[in-house]
């Protein structure tokens, strides 16, 4: 009998809790926030009803991804002013899974080989175009369309990139996406001109679909521990 991978329970937990794009976006928003966030603040940020926000928050709390905190948020003099508000903060729960081979490892290897043999002088441009077309295909598969505001589009792009392994979130301040993980493996360090161009292209392709006309500029990390930053 074939044994099940030891990550199966964790994978089931992640897909069940974070499989919903809105819930995943809420988790990433709280994870990147500088302070605990209220349900009302999240409802406004995601343009959803507060009760819907609370439903997602309760699920994330129940699975250990978020914790409840009570903080004083208002200094006014009206009714309820100064009362501790129910807020949410991210826990230290580990959500990163290790698999024997990430799909982008193989894709990066193959693309680098093709570029080096066929178009070494135009490698970055070819890689970015391939990534852009792939980004558009991912957007189509996820049902991302150019019918939303820039903030919603950015969250959709961040969720799509996270689904591809880039672990991306919308920065708490400023029009930025921050990608904390590169799924290309060792090839990212060996051939950054190709792999980073793929990443740039994927981001541009996603923004093409989510917010046509939006300029998205991705600056790759300088060191493996740094984030890749996209400004839009």
Foldseek 3Di string as FASTA:
>chain_A
DDDDDPCPVLVVLCCVLCVDLLLVQVLLLQAQDPDFAALVRSCVLQVHDSVVSVVSVVSCVVSQQKDWDWAQDADDDDPPHRGTGITIHGDPDDNDDDDPAQPLQVVLVVLVVCCVVPPVPCQLVVLLQVLLVVLLVLCVVVVAAAPDDPSNLLSVLQSSVVVNPQNWHQHNDAQKIWGQAQNNPPSCVVPVSRSVSSVNNNSNNSCCGNHNPDDWDWACDPDRRGIIMIHD
